[in-house]
Amino acid sequence: MKKFNELKELVTALEVDADKFYNKANSAAGTRVRKGMQDLKNLAQVIRLEIQETKNKED
């Protein structure tokens, strides 16, 4: 559950930069959002693997 909470915090942190990019045309904020989205992708993969491992242990 710790990793899932990290994922939620990362999404929340990206919200400010996403607003700057989409509503204020700040291209540097767009770069930060893209990096953050890559971090989200990697963290989501870690969570997927943890869930699969836990599920397989139960079987």
PDB file of N, CA and C in Angstrom:
ATOM      1  N   MET A   1       0.824  -1.188   0.000  1.00  0.00           N
ATOM      2  CA  MET A   1       0.000   0.000   0.000  1.00  0.00           C
ATOM      3  C   MET A   1       0.872   1.257   0.000  1.00  0.00           C
ATOM      4  N   LYS A   2       2.097   1.109   0.494  1.00  0.00           N
ATOM      5  CA  LYS A   2       3.016   2.244   0.546  1.00  0.00           C
ATOM      6  C   LYS A   2       3.281   2.791  -0.859  1.00  0.00           C
ATOM      7  N   LYS A   3       3.549   1.904  -1.801  1.00  0.00           N
ATOM      8  CA  LYS A   3       3.842   2.318  -3.178  1.00  0.00           C
ATOM      9  C   LYS A   3       2.623   2.990  -3.814  1.00  0.00           C
ATOM     10  N   PHE A   4       1.441   2.495  -3.504  1.00  0.00           N
ATOM     11  CA  PHE A   4       0.223   3.086  -4.055  1.00  0.00           C
ATOM     12  C   PHE A   4       0.052   4.512  -3.537  1.00  0.00           C
ATOM     13  N   ASN A   5       0.361   4.722  -2.275  1.00  0.00           N
ATOM     14  CA  ASN A   5       0.291   6.078  -1.720  1.00  0.00           C
ATOM     15  C   ASN A   5       1.328   6.992  -2.375  1.00  0.00           C
ATOM     16  N   GLU A   6       2.500   6.459  -2.668  1.00  0.00           N
ATOM     17  CA  GLU A   6       3.523   7.237  -3.383  1.00  0.00           C
ATOM     18  C   GLU A   6       3.000   7.670  -4.752  1.00  0.00           C
ATOM     19  N   LEU A   7       2.301   6.754  -5.428  1.00  0.00           N
ATOM     20  CA  LEU A   7       1.740   7.047  -6.732  1.00  0.00           C
ATOM     21  C   LEU A   7       0.729   8.190  -6.638  1.00  0.00           C
ATOM     22  N   LYS A   8      -0.134   8.143  -5.639  1.00  0.00           N
ATOM     23  CA  LYS A   8      -1.125   9.202  -5.460  1.00  0.00           C
ATOM     24  C   LYS A   8      -0.459  10.539  -5.171  1.00  0.00           C
ATOM     25  N   GLU A   9       0.591  10.532  -4.361  1.00  0.00           N
ATOM     26  CA  GLU A   9       1.306  11.764  -4.043  1.00  0.00           C
ATOM     27  C   GLU A   9       1.975  12.339  -5.288  1.00  0.00           C
ATOM     28  N   LEU A  10       2.500  11.479  -6.129  1.00  0.00           N
ATOM     29  CA  LEU A  10       3.151  11.929  -7.357  1.00  0.00           C
ATOM     30  C   LEU A  10       2.143  12.587  -8.299  1.00  0.00           C
ATOM     31  N   VAL A  11       0.969  11.997  -8.417  1.00  0.00           N
ATOM     32  CA  VAL A  11      -0.075  12.584  -9.254  1.00  0.00           C
ATOM     33  C   VAL A  11      -0.457  13.964  -8.723  1.00  0.00           C
ATOM     34  N   THR A  12      -0.609  14.065  -7.428  1.00  0.00           N
ATOM     35  CA  THR A  12      -0.957  15.344  -6.807  1.00  0.00           C
ATOM     36  C   THR A  12       0.127  16.386  -7.067  1.00  0.00           C
ATOM     37  N   ALA A  13       1.373  15.986  -6.961  1.00  0.00           N
ATOM     38  CA  ALA A  13       2.483  16.910  -7.179  1.00  0.00           C
ATOM     39  C   ALA A  13       2.532  17.384  -8.636  1.00  0.00           C
ATOM     40  N   LEU A  14       2.138  16.540  -9.566  1.00  0.00           N
ATOM     41  CA  LEU A  14       2.170  16.896 -10.982  1.00  0.00           C
ATOM     42  C   LEU A  14       1.043  17.844 -11.378  1.00  0.00           C
ATOM     43  N   GLU A  15       0.022  17.921 -10.558  1.00  0.00           N
ATOM     44  CA  GLU A  15      -1.150  18.724 -10.896  1.00  0.00           C
ATOM     45  C   GLU A  15      -0.803  20.193 -11.134  1.00  0.00           C
ATOM     46  N   VAL A  16       0.065  20.754 -10.316  1.00  0.00           N
ATOM     47  CA  VAL A  16       0.447  22.163 -10.460  1.00  0.00           C
ATOM     48  C   VAL A  16       1.139  22.394 -11.799  1.00  0.00           C
ATOM     49  N   ASP A  17       2.085  21.524 -12.137  1.00  0.00           N
ATOM     50  CA  ASP A  17       2.799  21.683 -13.401  1.00  0.00           C
ATOM     51  C   ASP A  17       1.880  21.431 -14.597  1.00  0.00           C
ATOM     52  N   ALA A  18       0.964  20.490 -14.476  1.00  0.00           N
ATOM     53  CA  ALA A  18       0.020  20.241 -15.569  1.00  0.00           C
ATOM     54  C   ALA A  18      -0.840  21.474 -15.810  1.00  0.00           C
ATOM     55  N   ASP A  19      -1.266  22.127 -14.745  1.00  0.00           N
ATOM     56  CA  ASP A  19      -2.050  23.356 -14.872  1.00  0.00           C
ATOM     57  C   ASP A  19      -1.231  24.444 -15.561  1.00  0.00           C
ATOM     58  N   LYS A  20       0.028  24.579 -15.153  1.00  0.00           N
ATOM     59  CA  LYS A  20       0.898  25.587 -15.775  1.00  0.00           C
ATOM     60  C   LYS A  20       1.082  25.311 -17.262  1.00  0.00           C
ATOM     61  N   PHE A  21       1.230  24.050 -17.622  1.00  0.00           N
ATOM     62  CA  PHE A  21       1.449  23.707 -19.028  1.00  0.00           C
ATOM     63  C   PHE A  21       0.190  23.944 -19.863  1.00  0.00           C
ATOM     64  N   TYR A  22      -0.941  23.402 -19.410  1.00  0.00           N
ATOM     65  CA  TYR A  22      -2.159  23.464 -20.206  1.00  0.00           C
ATOM     66  C   TYR A  22      -2.827  24.840 -20.183  1.00  0.00           C
ATOM     67  N   ASN A  23      -2.789  25.518 -19.061  1.00  0.00           N
ATOM     68  CA  ASN A  23      -3.524  26.774 -18.945  1.00  0.00           C
ATOM     69  C   ASN A  23      -2.671  28.026 -19.103  1.00  0.00           C
ATOM     70  N   LYS A  24      -1.354  27.883 -18.921  1.00  0.00           N
ATOM     71  CA  LYS A  24      -0.489  29.059 -18.990  1.00  0.00           C
ATOM     72  C   LYS A  24       0.605  28.919 -20.033  1.00  0.00           C
ATOM     73  N   ALA A  25       0.547  27.849 -20.804  1.00  0.00           N
ATOM     74  CA  ALA A  25       1.496  27.595 -21.896  1.00  0.00           C
ATOM     75  C   ALA A  25       2.951  27.647 -21.439  1.00  0.00           C
ATOM     76  N   ASN A  26       3.227  27.105 -20.272  1.00  0.00           N
ATOM     77  CA  ASN A  26       4.582  27.062 -19.736  1.00  0.00           C
ATOM     78  C   ASN A  26       5.226  25.749 -20.210  1.00  0.00           C
ATOM     79  N   SER A  27       6.111  25.832 -21.191  1.00  0.00           N
ATOM     80  CA  SER A  27       6.686  24.612 -21.766  1.00  0.00           C
ATOM     81  C   SER A  27       7.620  23.890 -20.798  1.00  0.00           C
ATOM     82  N   ALA A  28       8.274  24.613 -19.899  1.00  0.00           N
ATOM     83  CA  ALA A  28       9.136  23.956 -18.906  1.00  0.00           C
ATOM     84  C   ALA A  28       8.295  23.075 -17.980  1.00  0.00           C
ATOM     85  N   ALA A  29       7.098  23.531 -17.671  1.00  0.00           N
ATOM     86  CA  ALA A  29       6.197  22.724 -16.843  1.00  0.00           C
ATOM     87  C   ALA A  29       5.802  21.452 -17.590  1.00  0.00           C
ATOM     88  N   GLY A  30       5.647  21.554 -18.899  1.00  0.00           N
ATOM     89  CA  GLY A  30       5.336  20.375 -19.706  1.00  0.00           C
ATOM     90  C   GLY A  30       6.439  19.339 -19.629  1.00  0.00           C
ATOM     91  N   THR A  31       7.687  19.789 -19.623  1.00  0.00           N
ATOM     92  CA  THR A  31       8.823  18.879 -19.487  1.00  0.00           C
ATOM     93  C   THR A  31       8.777  18.175 -18.136  1.00  0.00           C
ATOM     94  N   ARG A  32       8.467  18.919 -17.095  1.00  0.00           N
ATOM     95  CA  ARG A  32       8.370  18.317 -15.764  1.00  0.00           C
ATOM     96  C   ARG A  32       7.227  17.308 -15.696  1.00  0.00           C
ATOM     97  N   VAL A  33       6.125  17.615 -16.358  1.00  0.00           N
ATOM     98  CA  VAL A  33       4.990  16.686 -16.375  1.00  0.00           C
ATOM     99  C   VAL A  33       5.376  15.404 -17.115  1.00  0.00           C
ATOM    100  N   ARG A  34       6.057  15.549 -18.247  1.00  0.00           N
ATOM    101  CA  ARG A  34       6.481  14.353 -18.990  1.00  0.00           C
ATOM    102  C   ARG A  34       7.399  13.471 -18.154  1.00  0.00           C
ATOM    103  N   LYS A  35       8.339  14.079 -17.438  1.00  0.00           N
ATOM    104  CA  LYS A  35       9.230  13.309 -16.570  1.00  0.00           C
ATOM    105  C   LYS A  35       8.433  12.634 -15.468  1.00  0.00           C
ATOM    106  N   GLY A  36       7.520  13.389 -14.878  1.00  0.00           N
ATOM    107  CA  GLY A  36       6.681  12.831 -13.820  1.00  0.00           C
ATOM    108  C   GLY A  36       5.815  11.687 -14.306  1.00  0.00           C
ATOM    109  N   MET A  37       5.318  11.801 -15.534  1.00  0.00           N
ATOM    110  CA  MET A  37       4.505  10.725 -16.090  1.00  0.00           C
ATOM    111  C   MET A  37       5.338   9.468 -16.310  1.00  0.00           C
ATOM    112  N   GLN A  38       6.593   9.637 -16.691  1.00  0.00           N
ATOM    113  CA  GLN A  38       7.478   8.472 -16.829  1.00  0.00           C
ATOM    114  C   GLN A  38       7.707   7.829 -15.464  1.00  0.00           C
ATOM    115  N   ASP A  39       7.889   8.659 -14.432  1.00  0.00           N
ATOM    116  CA  ASP A  39       8.040   8.136 -13.075  1.00  0.00           C
ATOM    117  C   ASP A  39       6.781   7.391 -12.640  1.00  0.00           C
ATOM    118  N   LEU A  40       5.607   7.935 -13.007  1.00  0.00           N
ATOM    119  CA  LEU A  40       4.335   7.267 -12.699  1.00  0.00           C
ATOM    120  C   LEU A  40       4.270   5.900 -13.368  1.00  0.00           C
ATOM    121  N   LYS A  41       4.667   5.868 -14.615  1.00  0.00           N
ATOM    122  CA  LYS A  41       4.645   4.612 -15.360  1.00  0.00           C
ATOM    123  C   LYS A  41       5.524   3.562 -14.676  1.00  0.00           C
ATOM    124  N   ASN A  42       6.728   3.969 -14.297  1.00  0.00           N
ATOM    125  CA  ASN A  42       7.650   3.036 -13.649  1.00  0.00           C
ATOM    126  C   ASN A  42       7.124   2.579 -12.296  1.00  0.00           C
ATOM    127  N   LEU A  43       6.565   3.496 -11.529  1.00  0.00           N
ATOM    128  CA  LEU A  43       6.018   3.142 -10.222  1.00  0.00           C
ATOM    129  C   LEU A  43       4.807   2.234 -10.372  1.00  0.00           C
ATOM    130  N   ALA A  44       3.980   2.500 -11.376  1.00  0.00           N
ATOM    131  CA  ALA A  44       2.819   1.647 -11.628  1.00  0.00           C
ATOM    132  C   ALA A  44       3.269   0.220 -11.958  1.00  0.00           C
ATOM    133  N   GLN A  45       4.342   0.084 -12.703  1.00  0.00           N
ATOM    134  CA  GLN A  45       4.857  -1.241 -13.042  1.00  0.00           C
ATOM    135  C   GLN A  45       5.336  -1.972 -11.795  1.00  0.00           C
ATOM    136  N   VAL A  46       6.008  -1.252 -10.900  1.00  0.00           N
ATOM    137  CA  VAL A  46       6.464  -1.857  -9.646  1.00  0.00           C
ATOM    138  C   VAL A  46       5.270  -2.348  -8.841  1.00  0.00           C
ATOM    139  N   ILE A  47       4.221  -1.538  -8.789  1.00  0.00           N
ATOM    140  CA  ILE A  47       3.013  -1.920  -8.047  1.00  0.00           C
ATOM    141  C   ILE A  47       2.377  -3.153  -8.675  1.00  0.00           C
ATOM    142  N   ARG A  48       2.307  -3.175 -10.007  1.00  0.00           N
ATOM    143  CA  ARG A  48       1.739  -4.333 -10.698  1.00  0.00           C
ATOM    144  C   ARG A  48       2.496  -5.610 -10.333  1.00  0.00           C
ATOM    145  N   LEU A  49       3.829  -5.519 -10.329  1.00  0.00           N
ATOM    146  CA  LEU A  49       4.634  -6.701 -10.016  1.00  0.00           C
ATOM    147  C   LEU A  49       4.449  -7.139  -8.565  1.00  0.00           C
ATOM    148  N   GLU A  50       4.363  -6.168  -7.648  1.00  0.00           N
ATOM    149  CA  GLU A  50       4.125  -6.499  -6.237  1.00  0.00           C
ATOM    150  C   GLU A  50       2.790  -7.219  -6.059  1.00  0.00           C
ATOM    151  N   ILE A  51       1.766  -6.711  -6.734  1.00  0.00           N
ATOM    152  CA  ILE A  51       0.432  -7.310  -6.629  1.00  0.00           C
ATOM    153  C   ILE A  51       0.449  -8.721  -7.186  1.00  0.00           C
ATOM    154  N   GLN A  52       1.075  -8.898  -8.340  1.00  0.00           N
ATOM    155  CA  GLN A  52       1.135 -10.223  -8.950  1.00  0.00           C
ATOM    156  C   GLN A  52       1.896 -11.203  -8.053  1.00  0.00           C
ATOM    157  N   GLU A  53       2.999 -10.741  -7.472  1.00  0.00           N
ATOM    158  CA  GLU A  53       3.794 -11.597  -6.584  1.00  0.00           C
ATOM    159  C   GLU A  53       2.975 -12.010  -5.358  1.00  0.00           C
ATOM    160  N   THR A  54       2.285 -11.046  -4.771  1.00  0.00           N
ATOM    161  CA  THR A  54       1.459 -11.334  -3.597  1.00  0.00           C
ATOM    162  C   THR A  54       0.347 -12.298  -3.950  1.00  0.00           C
ATOM    163  N   LYS A  55      -0.277 -12.075  -5.087  1.00  0.00           N
ATOM    164  CA  LYS A  55      -1.366 -12.947  -5.536  1.00  0.00           C
ATOM    165  C   LYS A  55      -0.868 -14.368  -5.752  1.00  0.00           C
ATOM    166  N   ASN A  56       0.308 -14.504  -6.352  1.00  0.00           N
ATOM    167  CA  ASN A  56       0.853 -15.838  -6.623  1.00  0.00           C
ATOM    168  C   ASN A  56       1.227 -16.577  -5.346  1.00  0.00           C
ATOM    169  N   LYS A  57       1.638 -15.844  -4.311  1.00  0.00           N
ATOM    170  CA  LYS A  57       1.973 -16.473  -3.032  1.00  0.00           C
ATOM    171  C   LYS A  57       0.736 -17.065  -2.369  1.00  0.00           C
ATOM    172  N   GLU A  58      -0.426 -16.452  -2.592  1.00  0.00           N
ATOM    173  CA  GLU A  58      -1.662 -16.902  -1.975  1.00  0.00           C
ATOM    174  C   GLU A  58      -2.189 -18.183  -2.609  1.00  0.00           C
ATOM    175  N   ASP A  59      -1.831 -18.418  -3.880  1.00  0.00           N
ATOM    176  CA  ASP A  59      -2.350 -19.591  -4.595  1.00  0.00           C
ATOM    177  C   ASP A  59      -1.725 -20.862  -4.176  1.00  0.00           C
TER     178      ASP A  59
END
